[in-house]
PDB file of N, CA and C in Angstrom:
ATOM      1  N   UNK A   1      31.187   8.472 -10.145  1.00  0.00           N
ATOM      2  CA  UNK A   1      29.450   7.454  -9.533  1.00  0.00           C
ATOM      3  C   UNK A   1      29.187   7.652  -8.129  1.00  0.00           C
ATOM      4  N   UNK A   2      30.136   8.048  -7.318  1.00  0.00           N
ATOM      5  CA  UNK A   2      29.756   7.940  -6.103  1.00  0.00           C
ATOM      6  C   UNK A   2      28.871   9.028  -5.752  1.00  0.00           C
ATOM      7  N   UNK A   3      29.268  10.201  -6.564  1.00  0.00           N
ATOM      8  CA  UNK A   3      28.624  11.424  -6.425  1.00  0.00           C
ATOM      9  C   UNK A   3      27.315  11.547  -6.742  1.00  0.00           C
ATOM     10  N   UNK A   4      26.925  10.935  -7.944  1.00  0.00           N
ATOM     11  CA  UNK A   4      25.722  10.588  -8.365  1.00  0.00           C
ATOM     12  C   UNK A   4      24.394   9.763  -7.602  1.00  0.00           C
ATOM     13  N   UNK A   5      25.328   8.860  -7.030  1.00  0.00           N
ATOM     14  CA  UNK A   5      24.637   7.987  -6.119  1.00  0.00           C
ATOM     15  C   UNK A   5      24.251   8.588  -4.844  1.00  0.00           C
ATOM     16  N   UNK A   6      25.047   9.559  -4.397  1.00  0.00           N
ATOM     17  CA  UNK A   6      24.755  10.330  -3.070  1.00  0.00           C
ATOM     18  C   UNK A   6      23.353  11.287  -3.643  1.00  0.00           C
ATOM     19  N   UNK A   7      23.821  12.084  -4.948  1.00  0.00           N
ATOM     20  CA  UNK A   7      22.852  12.921  -4.961  1.00  0.00           C
ATOM     21  C   UNK A   7      21.564  12.277  -5.478  1.00  0.00           C
ATOM     22  N   UNK A   8      21.261  11.327  -5.938  1.00  0.00           N
ATOM     23  CA  UNK A   8      20.061  10.400  -5.951  1.00  0.00           C
ATOM     24  C   UNK A   8      19.703   9.950  -4.403  1.00  0.00           C
ATOM     25  N   UNK A   9      20.155   9.724  -4.096  1.00  0.00           N
ATOM     26  CA  UNK A   9      20.253   9.456  -2.188  1.00  0.00           C
ATOM     27  C   UNK A   9      19.538  10.486  -1.432  1.00  0.00           C
ATOM     28  N   UNK A  10      20.034  11.668  -1.892  1.00  0.00           N
ATOM     29  CA  UNK A  10      19.871  12.999  -1.198  1.00  0.00           C
ATOM     30  C   UNK A  10      18.393  13.246  -1.584  1.00  0.00           C
ATOM     31  N   UNK A  11      18.270  13.371  -2.911  1.00  0.00           N
ATOM     32  CA  UNK A  11      16.871  13.698  -3.806  1.00  0.00           C
ATOM     33  C   UNK A  11      15.731  12.727  -2.897  1.00  0.00           C
ATOM     34  N   UNK A  12      15.969  11.469  -2.986  1.00  0.00           N
ATOM     35  CA  UNK A  12      15.067  10.452  -2.462  1.00  0.00           C
ATOM     36  C   UNK A  12      14.515  11.236  -1.068  1.00  0.00           C
ATOM     37  N   UNK A  13      15.626  11.323  -0.239  1.00  0.00           N
ATOM     38  CA  UNK A  13      15.091  11.617   1.051  1.00  0.00           C
ATOM     39  C   UNK A  13      14.762  13.137   1.435  1.00  0.00           C
ATOM     40  N   UNK A  14      14.936  14.174   0.527  1.00  0.00           N
ATOM     41  CA  UNK A  14      14.104  15.182   0.315  1.00  0.00           C
ATOM     42  C   UNK A  14      12.825  15.049  -0.129  1.00  0.00           C
ATOM     43  N   UNK A  15      12.657  14.214  -1.072  1.00  0.00           N
ATOM     44  CA  UNK A  15      11.252  14.014  -1.260  1.00  0.00           C
ATOM     45  C   UNK A  15      10.522  13.109  -0.312  1.00  0.00           C
ATOM     46  N   UNK A  16      11.000  12.345   0.286  1.00  0.00           N
ATOM     47  CA  UNK A  16      10.283  11.807   1.452  1.00  0.00           C
ATOM     48  C   UNK A  16      10.131  12.636   2.625  1.00  0.00           C
ATOM     49  N   UNK A  17      10.968  13.337   2.784  1.00  0.00           N
ATOM     50  CA  UNK A  17      10.616  14.763   4.044  1.00  0.00           C
ATOM     51  C   UNK A  17       9.661  15.479   3.687  1.00  0.00           C
ATOM     52  N   UNK A  18       9.460  15.776   2.317  1.00  0.00           N
ATOM     53  CA  UNK A  18       8.434  16.592   1.738  1.00  0.00           C
ATOM     54  C   UNK A  18       7.071  16.226   1.921  1.00  0.00           C
ATOM     55  N   UNK A  19       7.391  14.927   1.349  1.00  0.00           N
ATOM     56  CA  UNK A  19       5.906  14.111   1.528  1.00  0.00           C
ATOM     57  C   UNK A  19       5.468  14.033   3.070  1.00  0.00           C
ATOM     58  N   UNK A  20       6.272  13.764   3.767  1.00  0.00           N
ATOM     59  CA  UNK A  20       5.888  13.759   5.168  1.00  0.00           C
ATOM     60  C   UNK A  20       5.206  14.831   5.820  1.00  0.00           C
ATOM     61  N   UNK A  21       6.113  15.737   5.542  1.00  0.00           N
ATOM     62  CA  UNK A  21       6.044  17.053   6.336  1.00  0.00           C
ATOM     63  C   UNK A  21       4.731  17.693   5.570  1.00  0.00           C
ATOM     64  N   UNK A  22       4.232  17.243   4.384  1.00  0.00           N
ATOM     65  CA  UNK A  22       2.991  17.674   3.716  1.00  0.00           C
ATOM     66  C   UNK A  22       1.754  17.217   4.306  1.00  0.00           C
ATOM     67  N   UNK A  23       1.833  16.861   5.584  1.00  0.00           N
ATOM     68  CA  UNK A  23       0.395  16.486   6.405  1.00  0.00           C
ATOM     69  C   UNK A  23       0.344  14.749   5.765  1.00  0.00           C
ATOM     70  N   UNK A  24       1.043  14.000   5.233  1.00  0.00           N
ATOM     71  CA  UNK A  24       0.824  12.582   5.158  1.00  0.00           C
ATOM     72  C   UNK A  24       0.934  12.079   6.378  1.00  0.00           C
ATOM     73  N   UNK A  25      -0.315  11.051   6.894  1.00  0.00           N
ATOM     74  CA  UNK A  25      -0.410  10.279   7.920  1.00  0.00           C
ATOM     75  C   UNK A  25       0.427   9.129   8.039  1.00  0.00           C
ATOM     76  N   UNK A  26       1.114   8.621   6.895  1.00  0.00           N
ATOM     77  CA  UNK A  26       1.713   7.564   6.988  1.00  0.00           C
ATOM     78  C   UNK A  26       3.496   7.739   7.007  1.00  0.00           C
ATOM     79  N   UNK A  27       3.800   7.197   8.120  1.00  0.00           N
ATOM     80  CA  UNK A  27       5.463   7.522   8.228  1.00  0.00           C
ATOM     81  C   UNK A  27       5.915   6.026   8.154  1.00  0.00           C
ATOM     82  N   UNK A  28       5.500   4.857   8.311  1.00  0.00           N
ATOM     83  CA  UNK A  28       6.125   3.756   8.053  1.00  0.00           C
ATOM     84  C   UNK A  28       5.148   2.896   7.094  1.00  0.00           C
ATOM     85  N   UNK A  29       5.893   2.061   6.605  1.00  0.00           N
ATOM     86  CA  UNK A  29       5.181   1.310   5.148  1.00  0.00           C
ATOM     87  C   UNK A  29       4.858  -0.415   5.639  1.00  0.00           C
ATOM     88  N   UNK A  30       4.121  -0.815   5.748  1.00  0.00           N
ATOM     89  CA  UNK A  30       4.099  -2.151   6.144  1.00  0.00           C
ATOM     90  C   UNK A  30       4.005  -2.961   4.752  1.00  0.00           C
ATOM     91  N   UNK A  31       4.724  -4.016   4.343  1.00  0.00           N
ATOM     92  CA  UNK A  31       4.622  -4.993   3.209  1.00  0.00           C
ATOM     93  C   UNK A  31       3.583  -5.792   3.255  1.00  0.00           C
ATOM     94  N   UNK A  32       2.626  -5.934   2.478  1.00  0.00           N
ATOM     95  CA  UNK A  32       1.624  -6.944   2.522  1.00  0.00           C
ATOM     96  C   UNK A  32       1.422  -7.554   0.893  1.00  0.00           C
ATOM     97  N   UNK A  33       1.008  -8.208   0.364  1.00  0.00           N
ATOM     98  CA  UNK A  33       0.844  -9.207  -0.826  1.00  0.00           C
ATOM     99  C   UNK A  33      -0.429  -8.974  -1.510  1.00  0.00           C
ATOM    100  N   UNK A  34      -0.688  -9.211  -2.635  1.00  0.00           N
ATOM    101  CA  UNK A  34      -2.013  -9.821  -3.478  1.00  0.00           C
ATOM    102  C   UNK A  34      -2.235 -11.119  -3.157  1.00  0.00           C
ATOM    103  N   UNK A  35      -3.167 -11.395  -2.529  1.00  0.00           N
ATOM    104  CA  UNK A  35      -3.648 -13.009  -2.301  1.00  0.00           C
ATOM    105  C   UNK A  35      -5.197 -13.362  -2.350  1.00  0.00           C
ATOM    106  N   UNK A  36      -5.082 -14.614  -2.967  1.00  0.00           N
ATOM    107  CA  UNK A  36      -6.653 -14.670  -2.763  1.00  0.00           C
ATOM    108  C   UNK A  36      -7.381 -14.371  -4.413  1.00  0.00           C
ATOM    109  N   UNK A  37      -6.707 -13.733  -4.934  1.00  0.00           N
ATOM    110  CA  UNK A  37      -7.654 -13.278  -6.428  1.00  0.00           C
ATOM    111  C   UNK A  37      -7.643 -14.181  -7.249  1.00  0.00           C
ATOM    112  N   UNK A  38      -8.839 -14.440  -7.894  1.00  0.00           N
ATOM    113  CA  UNK A  38      -9.277 -15.771  -8.701  1.00  0.00           C
ATOM    114  C   UNK A  38      -7.918 -15.722  -9.794  1.00  0.00           C
ATOM    115  N   UNK A  39      -7.806 -17.163 -10.388  1.00  0.00           N
ATOM    116  CA  UNK A  39      -6.832 -17.350 -11.398  1.00  0.00           C
ATOM    117  C   UNK A  39      -7.082 -16.556 -12.406  1.00  0.00           C
ATOM    118  N   UNK A  40      -6.236 -15.863 -13.058  1.00  0.00           N
ATOM    119  CA  UNK A  40      -6.416 -14.923 -14.358  1.00  0.00           C
ATOM    120  C   UNK A  40      -6.646 -13.514 -13.933  1.00  0.00           C
ATOM    121  N   UNK A  41      -6.984 -13.241 -12.928  1.00  0.00           N
ATOM    122  CA  UNK A  41      -7.656 -11.928 -12.401  1.00  0.00           C
ATOM    123  C   UNK A  41      -6.759 -11.162 -11.567  1.00  0.00           C
ATOM    124  N   UNK A  42      -6.820  -9.971 -11.547  1.00  0.00           N
ATOM    125  CA  UNK A  42      -5.845  -8.958 -10.696  1.00  0.00           C
ATOM    126  C   UNK A  42      -6.839  -8.432  -9.775  1.00  0.00           C
ATOM    127  N   UNK A  43      -5.922  -7.764  -8.614  1.00  0.00           N
ATOM    128  CA  UNK A  43      -6.712  -6.995  -7.633  1.00  0.00           C
ATOM    129  C   UNK A  43      -6.701  -5.424  -8.237  1.00  0.00           C
ATOM    130  N   UNK A  44      -7.609  -4.843  -8.177  1.00  0.00           N
ATOM    131  CA  UNK A  44      -7.739  -3.069  -8.422  1.00  0.00           C
ATOM    132  C   UNK A  44      -7.562  -2.495  -7.377  1.00  0.00           C
ATOM    133  N   UNK A  45      -6.533  -1.490  -7.886  1.00  0.00           N
ATOM    134  CA  UNK A  45      -6.213  -0.466  -6.940  1.00  0.00           C
ATOM    135  C   UNK A  45      -7.124   0.666  -7.294  1.00  0.00           C
ATOM    136  N   UNK A  46      -7.893   0.717  -6.104  1.00  0.00           N
ATOM    137  CA  UNK A  46      -8.979   2.235  -6.736  1.00  0.00           C
ATOM    138  C   UNK A  46      -8.421   3.471  -5.954  1.00  0.00           C
ATOM    139  N   UNK A  47      -9.378   4.574  -6.377  1.00  0.00           N
ATOM    140  CA  UNK A  47      -8.653   6.101  -6.031  1.00  0.00           C
ATOM    141  C   UNK A  47      -8.919   6.203  -4.613  1.00  0.00           C
ATOM    142  N   UNK A  48     -10.386   5.742  -4.513  1.00  0.00           N
ATOM    143  CA  UNK A  48     -11.336   6.077  -2.963  1.00  0.00           C
ATOM    144  C   UNK A  48     -11.470   4.524  -2.509  1.00  0.00           C
ATOM    145  N   UNK A  49     -11.842   4.443  -1.176  1.00  0.00           N
ATOM    146  CA  UNK A  49     -12.144   3.083  -0.840  1.00  0.00           C
ATOM    147  C   UNK A  49     -13.427   2.489  -1.375  1.00  0.00           C
ATOM    148  N   UNK A  50     -13.529   2.327  -2.289  1.00  0.00           N
ATOM    149  CA  UNK A  50     -14.801   1.974  -2.984  1.00  0.00           C
ATOM    150  C   UNK A  50     -14.880   1.277  -4.141  1.00  0.00           C
ATOM    151  N   UNK A  51     -15.687   0.135  -4.636  1.00  0.00           N
ATOM    152  CA  UNK A  51     -15.579  -0.942  -5.603  1.00  0.00           C
ATOM    153  C   UNK A  51     -15.937  -0.031  -6.797  1.00  0.00           C
ATOM    154  N   UNK A  52     -16.744   0.871  -6.655  1.00  0.00           N
ATOM    155  CA  UNK A  52     -17.253   1.779  -7.892  1.00  0.00           C
ATOM    156  C   UNK A  52     -16.279   3.032  -8.232  1.00  0.00           C
ATOM    157  N   UNK A  53     -15.334   3.145  -7.382  1.00  0.00           N
ATOM    158  CA  UNK A  53     -14.122   4.235  -7.493  1.00  0.00           C
ATOM    159  C   UNK A  53     -13.445   4.170  -8.609  1.00  0.00           C
ATOM    160  N   UNK A  54     -12.696   4.964  -9.274  1.00  0.00           N
ATOM    161  CA  UNK A  54     -11.809   5.075 -10.422  1.00  0.00           C
ATOM    162  C   UNK A  54     -10.784   4.028  -9.964  1.00  0.00           C
ATOM    163  N   UNK A  55     -10.221   3.251 -10.980  1.00  0.00           N
ATOM    164  CA  UNK A  55      -9.292   2.003 -10.798  1.00  0.00           C
ATOM    165  C   UNK A  55      -8.123   2.664 -11.503  1.00  0.00           C
ATOM    166  N   UNK A  56      -7.006   2.649 -10.239  1.00  0.00           N
ATOM    167  CA  UNK A  56      -5.469   3.329 -10.590  1.00  0.00           C
ATOM    168  C   UNK A  56      -4.760   2.411 -11.340  1.00  0.00           C
ATOM    169  N   UNK A  57      -4.815   0.946 -10.826  1.00  0.00           N
ATOM    170  CA  UNK A  57      -3.818   0.077 -11.209  1.00  0.00           C
ATOM    171  C   UNK A  57      -4.344  -1.417 -10.747  1.00  0.00           C
ATOM    172  N   UNK A  58      -4.026  -2.457 -11.618  1.00  0.00           N
ATOM    173  CA  UNK A  58      -3.873  -3.737 -11.016  1.00  0.00           C
ATOM    174  C   UNK A  58      -2.886  -4.564 -10.916  1.00  0.00           C
ATOM    175  N   UNK A  59      -3.093  -5.755  -9.812  1.00  0.00           N
ATOM    176  CA  UNK A  59      -1.695  -6.295  -9.356  1.00  0.00           C
ATOM    177  C   UNK A  59      -2.299  -7.837  -9.586  1.00  0.00           C
ATOM    178  N   UNK A  60      -1.471  -8.701  -9.779  1.00  0.00           N
ATOM    179  CA  UNK A  60      -1.860 -10.215  -9.773  1.00  0.00           C
ATOM    180  C   UNK A  60      -1.201 -10.609  -8.518  1.00  0.00           C
ATOM    181  N   UNK A  61      -1.705 -12.014  -8.118  1.00  0.00           N
ATOM    182  CA  UNK A  61      -1.793 -12.537  -6.801  1.00  0.00           C
ATOM    183  C   UNK A  61       0.343 -12.661  -6.651  1.00  0.00           C
ATOM    184  N   UNK A  62       0.667 -12.516  -5.375  1.00  0.00           N
ATOM    185  CA  UNK A  62       2.106 -12.504  -5.559  1.00  0.00           C
ATOM    186  C   UNK A  62       2.966 -11.271  -5.126  1.00  0.00           C
ATOM    187  N   UNK A  63       2.093  -9.814  -5.847  1.00  0.00           N
ATOM    188  CA  UNK A  63       2.607  -8.769  -5.737  1.00  0.00           C
ATOM    189  C   UNK A  63       2.731  -7.970  -4.458  1.00  0.00           C
ATOM    190  N   UNK A  64       3.984  -7.569  -4.227  1.00  0.00           N
ATOM    191  CA  UNK A  64       4.152  -6.933  -2.830  1.00  0.00           C
ATOM    192  C   UNK A  64       3.814  -5.452  -2.848  1.00  0.00           C
ATOM    193  N   UNK A  65       2.926  -5.279  -1.705  1.00  0.00           N
ATOM    194  CA  UNK A  65       2.381  -3.731  -1.545  1.00  0.00           C
ATOM    195  C   UNK A  65       2.889  -3.093  -0.832  1.00  0.00           C
ATOM    196  N   UNK A  66       2.961  -1.901  -0.549  1.00  0.00           N
ATOM    197  CA  UNK A  66       3.324  -1.102   0.169  1.00  0.00           C
ATOM    198  C   UNK A  66       2.284  -0.433   0.868  1.00  0.00           C
ATOM    199  N   UNK A  67       1.739  -0.881   1.932  1.00  0.00           N
ATOM    200  CA  UNK A  67       0.619  -0.145   2.644  1.00  0.00           C
ATOM    201  C   UNK A  67       1.171   0.963   3.488  1.00  0.00           C
ATOM    202  N   UNK A  68       0.149   1.848   3.692  1.00  0.00           N
ATOM    203  CA  UNK A  68       0.163   3.087   4.553  1.00  0.00           C
ATOM    204  C   UNK A  68      -0.248   2.562   6.065  1.00  0.00           C
ATOM    205  N   UNK A  69      -0.755   1.708   6.101  1.00  0.00           N
ATOM    206  CA  UNK A  69      -1.029   1.142   7.621  1.00  0.00           C
ATOM    207  C   UNK A  69      -2.956   1.705   8.023  1.00  0.00           C
ATOM    208  N   UNK A  70      -3.294   2.486   7.214  1.00  0.00           N
ATOM    209  CA  UNK A  70      -4.827   2.987   7.417  1.00  0.00           C
ATOM    210  C   UNK A  70      -5.463   1.956   6.608  1.00  0.00           C
ATOM    211  N   UNK A  71      -6.809   1.505   7.688  1.00  0.00           N
ATOM    212  CA  UNK A  71      -7.685   1.140   6.746  1.00  0.00           C
ATOM    213  C   UNK A  71      -9.296   1.822   6.976  1.00  0.00           C
ATOM    214  N   UNK A  72     -10.126   1.451   6.685  1.00  0.00           N
ATOM    215  CA  UNK A  72     -11.480   1.973   6.510  1.00  0.00           C
ATOM    216  C   UNK A  72     -12.318   1.548   7.981  1.00  0.00           C
ATOM    217  N   UNK A  73     -13.175   2.415   8.418  1.00  0.00           N
ATOM    218  CA  UNK A  73     -13.939   2.253   9.231  1.00  0.00           C
ATOM    219  C   UNK A  73     -13.136   1.997  10.682  1.00  0.00           C
ATOM    220  N   UNK A  74     -13.855   0.981  11.576  1.00  0.00           N
ATOM    221  CA  UNK A  74     -12.984   0.864  12.519  1.00  0.00           C
ATOM    222  C   UNK A  74     -11.909  -0.207  12.383  1.00  0.00           C
ATOM    223  N   UNK A  75     -11.608  -0.407  11.438  1.00  0.00           N
ATOM    224  CA  UNK A  75     -10.292  -1.079  10.877  1.00  0.00           C
ATOM    225  C   UNK A  75      -9.136  -1.023  11.677  1.00  0.00           C
ATOM    226  N   UNK A  76      -8.230  -1.589  11.891  1.00  0.00           N
ATOM    227  CA  UNK A  76      -6.970  -1.431  12.720  1.00  0.00           C
ATOM    228  C   UNK A  76      -6.041  -0.852  11.897  1.00  0.00           C
ATOM    229  N   UNK A  77      -4.948  -0.201  12.469  1.00  0.00           N
ATOM    230  CA  UNK A  77      -4.013   0.337  11.713  1.00  0.00           C
ATOM    231  C   UNK A  77      -2.953  -0.852  11.480  1.00  0.00           C
ATOM    232  N   UNK A  78      -2.723  -1.159  10.473  1.00  0.00           N
ATOM    233  CA  UNK A  78      -1.673  -2.684  10.200  1.00  0.00           C
ATOM    234  C   UNK A  78      -0.316  -2.691  11.068  1.00  0.00           C
ATOM    235  N   UNK A  79       0.440  -1.066  11.315  1.00  0.00           N
ATOM    236  CA  UNK A  79       1.181  -1.359  12.529  1.00  0.00           C
ATOM    237  C   UNK A  79       1.070  -1.774  13.608  1.00  0.00           C
ATOM    238  N   UNK A  80       0.195  -1.622  14.143  1.00  0.00           N
ATOM    239  CA  UNK A  80      -0.567  -2.047  15.410  1.00  0.00           C
ATOM    240  C   UNK A  80      -0.989  -3.600  15.681  1.00  0.00           C
ATOM    241  N   UNK A  81      -1.226  -4.410  14.655  1.00  0.00           N
ATOM    242  CA  UNK A  81      -1.635  -5.679  14.429  1.00  0.00           C
ATOM    243  C   UNK A  81      -0.470  -6.594  14.120  1.00  0.00           C
ATOM    244  N   UNK A  82       0.639  -5.907  14.000  1.00  0.00           N
ATOM    245  CA  UNK A  82       1.817  -6.393  13.135  1.00  0.00           C
ATOM    246  C   UNK A  82       2.432  -7.691  14.078  1.00  0.00           C
ATOM    247  N   UNK A  83       2.321  -7.812  15.225  1.00  0.00           N
ATOM    248  CA  UNK A  83       2.497  -8.500  16.356  1.00  0.00           C
ATOM    249  C   UNK A  83       1.633 -10.117  16.256  1.00  0.00           C
ATOM    250  N   UNK A  84       0.406  -9.506  15.417  1.00  0.00           N
ATOM    251  CA  UNK A  84      -0.258 -10.861  15.299  1.00  0.00           C
ATOM    252  C   UNK A  84      -0.115 -11.957  14.482  1.00  0.00           C
ATOM    253  N   UNK A  85      -0.415 -13.320  14.469  1.00  0.00           N
ATOM    254  CA  UNK A  85      -0.041 -14.288  13.572  1.00  0.00           C
ATOM    255  C   UNK A  85      -0.563 -13.659  12.270  1.00  0.00           C
ATOM    256  N   UNK A  86       0.186 -13.820  10.917  1.00  0.00           N
ATOM    257  CA  UNK A  86      -0.055 -13.522   9.633  1.00  0.00           C
ATOM    258  C   UNK A  86      -1.812 -13.594   9.367  1.00  0.00           C
ATOM    259  N   UNK A  87      -2.502 -14.957   9.819  1.00  0.00           N
ATOM    260  CA  UNK A  87      -3.608 -15.215   9.562  1.00  0.00           C
ATOM    261  C   UNK A  87      -4.734 -14.469  10.380  1.00  0.00           C
ATOM    262  N   UNK A  88      -4.323 -13.804  11.778  1.00  0.00           N
ATOM    263  CA  UNK A  88      -5.080 -12.918  12.293  1.00  0.00           C
ATOM    264  C   UNK A  88      -5.146 -11.779  11.856  1.00  0.00           C
ATOM    265  N   UNK A  89      -3.879 -11.225  11.198  1.00  0.00           N
ATOM    266  CA  UNK A  89      -4.063 -10.141  10.496  1.00  0.00           C
ATOM    267  C   UNK A  89      -4.673  -9.992   9.594  1.00  0.00           C
ATOM    268  N   UNK A  90      -4.523 -10.857   8.402  1.00  0.00           N
ATOM    269  CA  UNK A  90      -5.543 -11.055   7.286  1.00  0.00           C
ATOM    270  C   UNK A  90      -6.786 -10.865   7.623  1.00  0.00           C
ATOM    271  N   UNK A  91      -7.222 -11.801   8.549  1.00  0.00           N
ATOM    272  CA  UNK A  91      -8.736 -11.854   9.138  1.00  0.00           C
ATOM    273  C   UNK A  91      -8.877 -10.019   9.811  1.00  0.00           C
ATOM    274  N   UNK A  92      -8.431  -9.417  10.136  1.00  0.00           N
ATOM    275  CA  UNK A  92      -8.448  -8.290  10.936  1.00  0.00           C
ATOM    276  C   UNK A  92      -8.855  -7.043   9.861  1.00  0.00           C
ATOM    277  N   UNK A  93      -8.385  -7.407   8.780  1.00  0.00           N
ATOM    278  CA  UNK A  93      -8.717  -6.572   7.368  1.00  0.00           C
ATOM    279  C   UNK A  93      -9.464  -7.040   6.309  1.00  0.00           C
ATOM    280  N   UNK A  94     -10.204  -8.346   6.745  1.00  0.00           N
ATOM    281  CA  UNK A  94     -10.826  -9.012   5.410  1.00  0.00           C
ATOM    282  C   UNK A  94     -12.086  -8.198   4.905  1.00  0.00           C
ATOM    283  N   UNK A  95     -12.674  -7.329   5.651  1.00  0.00           N
ATOM    284  CA  UNK A  95     -13.902  -6.570   5.087  1.00  0.00           C
ATOM    285  C   UNK A  95     -13.747  -5.347   5.581  1.00  0.00           C
ATOM    286  N   UNK A  96     -12.204  -4.929   4.703  1.00  0.00           N
ATOM    287  CA  UNK A  96     -11.980  -3.215   5.278  1.00  0.00           C
ATOM    288  C   UNK A  96     -11.410  -3.037   3.802  1.00  0.00           C
ATOM    289  N   UNK A  97     -11.296  -1.901   3.619  1.00  0.00           N
ATOM    290  CA  UNK A  97     -10.483  -1.219   2.736  1.00  0.00           C
ATOM    291  C   UNK A  97      -9.150  -0.552   3.052  1.00  0.00           C
ATOM    292  N   UNK A  98      -8.101  -0.902   2.779  1.00  0.00           N
ATOM    293  CA  UNK A  98      -6.753  -0.322   3.269  1.00  0.00           C
ATOM    294  C   UNK A  98      -6.052   0.557   2.202  1.00  0.00           C
ATOM    295  N   UNK A  99      -5.025   1.060   2.205  1.00  0.00           N
ATOM    296  CA  UNK A  99      -4.592   2.195   1.814  1.00  0.00           C
ATOM    297  C   UNK A  99      -3.027   1.443   1.376  1.00  0.00           C
ATOM    298  N   UNK A 100      -2.855   2.134   0.036  1.00  0.00           N
ATOM    299  CA  UNK A 100      -1.315   1.164  -0.529  1.00  0.00           C
ATOM    300  C   UNK A 100      -0.805   2.691  -1.051  1.00  0.00           C
ATOM    301  N   UNK A 101       0.379   2.955  -0.944  1.00  0.00           N
ATOM    302  CA  UNK A 101       1.285   3.537  -1.630  1.00  0.00           C
ATOM    303  C   UNK A 101       1.838   2.966  -2.920  1.00  0.00           C
ATOM    304  N   UNK A 102       1.549   3.320  -4.186  1.00  0.00           N
ATOM    305  CA  UNK A 102       2.138   2.734  -5.294  1.00  0.00           C
ATOM    306  C   UNK A 102       2.379   3.650  -6.335  1.00  0.00           C
ATOM    307  N   UNK A 103       2.814   3.312  -7.731  1.00  0.00           N
ATOM    308  CA  UNK A 103       3.142   3.838  -8.740  1.00  0.00           C
ATOM    309  C   UNK A 103       2.412   3.271 -10.007  1.00  0.00           C
ATOM    310  N   UNK A 104       1.145   3.824 -10.035  1.00  0.00           N
ATOM    311  CA  UNK A 104       0.251   3.327 -11.186  1.00  0.00           C
ATOM    312  C   UNK A 104       0.908   3.262 -12.284  1.00  0.00           C
ATOM    313  N   UNK A 105       1.688   4.417 -12.732  1.00  0.00           N
ATOM    314  CA  UNK A 105       2.008   4.865 -14.280  1.00  0.00           C
ATOM    315  C   UNK A 105       3.247   3.876 -14.278  1.00  0.00           C
ATOM    316  N   UNK A 106       4.254   3.544 -13.295  1.00  0.00           N
ATOM    317  CA  UNK A 106       5.745   3.370 -13.346  1.00  0.00           C
ATOM    318  C   UNK A 106       6.110   4.343 -13.644  1.00  0.00           C
ATOM    319  N   UNK A 107       5.965   5.355 -13.359  1.00  0.00           N
ATOM    320  CA  UNK A 107       6.924   6.643 -13.591  1.00  0.00           C
ATOM    321  C   UNK A 107       7.677   7.158 -12.478  1.00  0.00           C
ATOM    322  N   UNK A 108       7.656   6.816 -11.228  1.00  0.00           N
ATOM    323  CA  UNK A 108       8.536   7.482 -10.309  1.00  0.00           C
ATOM    324  C   UNK A 108       7.223   8.442  -9.647  1.00  0.00           C
ATOM    325  N   UNK A 109       6.234   8.406 -10.024  1.00  0.00           N
ATOM    326  CA  UNK A 109       4.907   9.329  -9.361  1.00  0.00           C
ATOM    327  C   UNK A 109       4.271   8.494  -8.634  1.00  0.00           C
ATOM    328  N   UNK A 110       4.575   8.024  -7.408  1.00  0.00           N
ATOM    329  CA  UNK A 110       3.700   7.630  -6.280  1.00  0.00           C
ATOM    330  C   UNK A 110       2.852   8.227  -5.595  1.00  0.00           C
ATOM    331  N   UNK A 111       1.446   7.730  -5.460  1.00  0.00           N
ATOM    332  CA  UNK A 111       0.255   8.103  -5.038  1.00  0.00           C
ATOM    333  C   UNK A 111      -0.400   6.873  -3.929  1.00  0.00           C
ATOM    334  N   UNK A 112      -1.397   7.464  -3.458  1.00  0.00           N
ATOM    335  CA  UNK A 112      -2.127   6.474  -2.482  1.00  0.00           C
ATOM    336  C   UNK A 112      -3.273   5.937  -3.382  1.00  0.00           C
ATOM    337  N   UNK A 113      -3.889   4.978  -3.129  1.00  0.00           N
ATOM    338  CA  UNK A 113      -4.710   3.693  -3.598  1.00  0.00           C
ATOM    339  C   UNK A 113      -5.337   2.979  -2.513  1.00  0.00           C
ATOM    340  N   UNK A 114      -6.177   2.681  -2.962  1.00  0.00           N
ATOM    341  CA  UNK A 114      -7.333   1.566  -1.861  1.00  0.00           C
ATOM    342  C   UNK A 114      -7.350   0.284  -2.563  1.00  0.00           C
ATOM    343  N   UNK A 115      -6.867  -0.800  -1.572  1.00  0.00           N
ATOM    344  CA  UNK A 115      -7.285  -2.035  -2.074  1.00  0.00           C
ATOM    345  C   UNK A 115      -8.435  -2.702  -0.642  1.00  0.00           C
ATOM    346  N   UNK A 116      -9.004  -3.894  -1.375  1.00  0.00           N
ATOM    347  CA  UNK A 116     -10.195  -4.647  -0.611  1.00  0.00           C
ATOM    348  C   UNK A 116      -9.484  -5.460   0.131  1.00  0.00           C
ATOM    349  N   UNK A 117      -9.491  -5.575   1.384  1.00  0.00           N
ATOM    350  CA  UNK A 117      -8.760  -6.389   2.370  1.00  0.00           C
ATOM    351  C   UNK A 117      -8.654  -7.816   2.364  1.00  0.00           C
ATOM    352  N   UNK A 118      -9.866  -8.509   1.722  1.00  0.00           N
ATOM    353  CA  UNK A 118     -10.105  -9.761   1.264  1.00  0.00           C
ATOM    354  C   UNK A 118      -8.975 -10.274   0.080  1.00  0.00           C
ATOM    355  N   UNK A 119      -8.283  -9.412  -0.393  1.00  0.00           N
ATOM    356  CA  UNK A 119      -7.051  -9.704  -1.144  1.00  0.00           C
ATOM    357  C   UNK A 119      -5.818  -9.602  -1.087  1.00  0.00           C
ATOM    358  N   UNK A 120      -5.648  -9.344   0.380  1.00  0.00           N
ATOM    359  CA  UNK A 120      -4.214  -8.955   0.703  1.00  0.00           C
ATOM    360  C   UNK A 120      -3.842  -9.545   1.954  1.00  0.00           C
ATOM    361  N   UNK A 121      -2.749 -10.150   1.944  1.00  0.00           N
ATOM    362  CA  UNK A 121      -1.954 -10.902   3.200  1.00  0.00           C
ATOM    363  C   UNK A 121      -0.598 -10.335   3.715  1.00  0.00           C
ATOM    364  N   UNK A 122      -0.237 -10.444   4.953  1.00  0.00           N
ATOM    365  CA  UNK A 122       1.169  -9.895   5.389  1.00  0.00           C
ATOM    366  C   UNK A 122       1.977 -10.608   4.626  1.00  0.00           C
ATOM    367  N   UNK A 123       3.113 -10.202   3.926  1.00  0.00           N
ATOM    368  CA  UNK A 123       4.445 -10.460   3.312  1.00  0.00           C
ATOM    369  C   UNK A 123       5.081 -11.291   4.229  1.00  0.00           C
TER     370      UNK A 123
END
């Protein structure tokens, strides 16, 4: 059983190294969560940073998201504002689109997507 666990860990590491060496800009993921979505609704993850872009997935309040750190425009990198109080971090991205790393089909095929900052907060 240990050899299987070691093989799985080695595969995961290889995938991570391949992903990051392929030109991805994110090296560290920041944990944020879905927040402020009206009751009974969900936060849409979009393919591109636009409300009219293709919807990849939807998550309810409280869902923890893996953020790449990137936000649109003059928005901050989430790792650069991690020292700020949570309310200031949330305010800094309120009107920005921020990139997430998620598994929309829940099949191990992770990809990037975008969420609107008004509906996320630091975890």
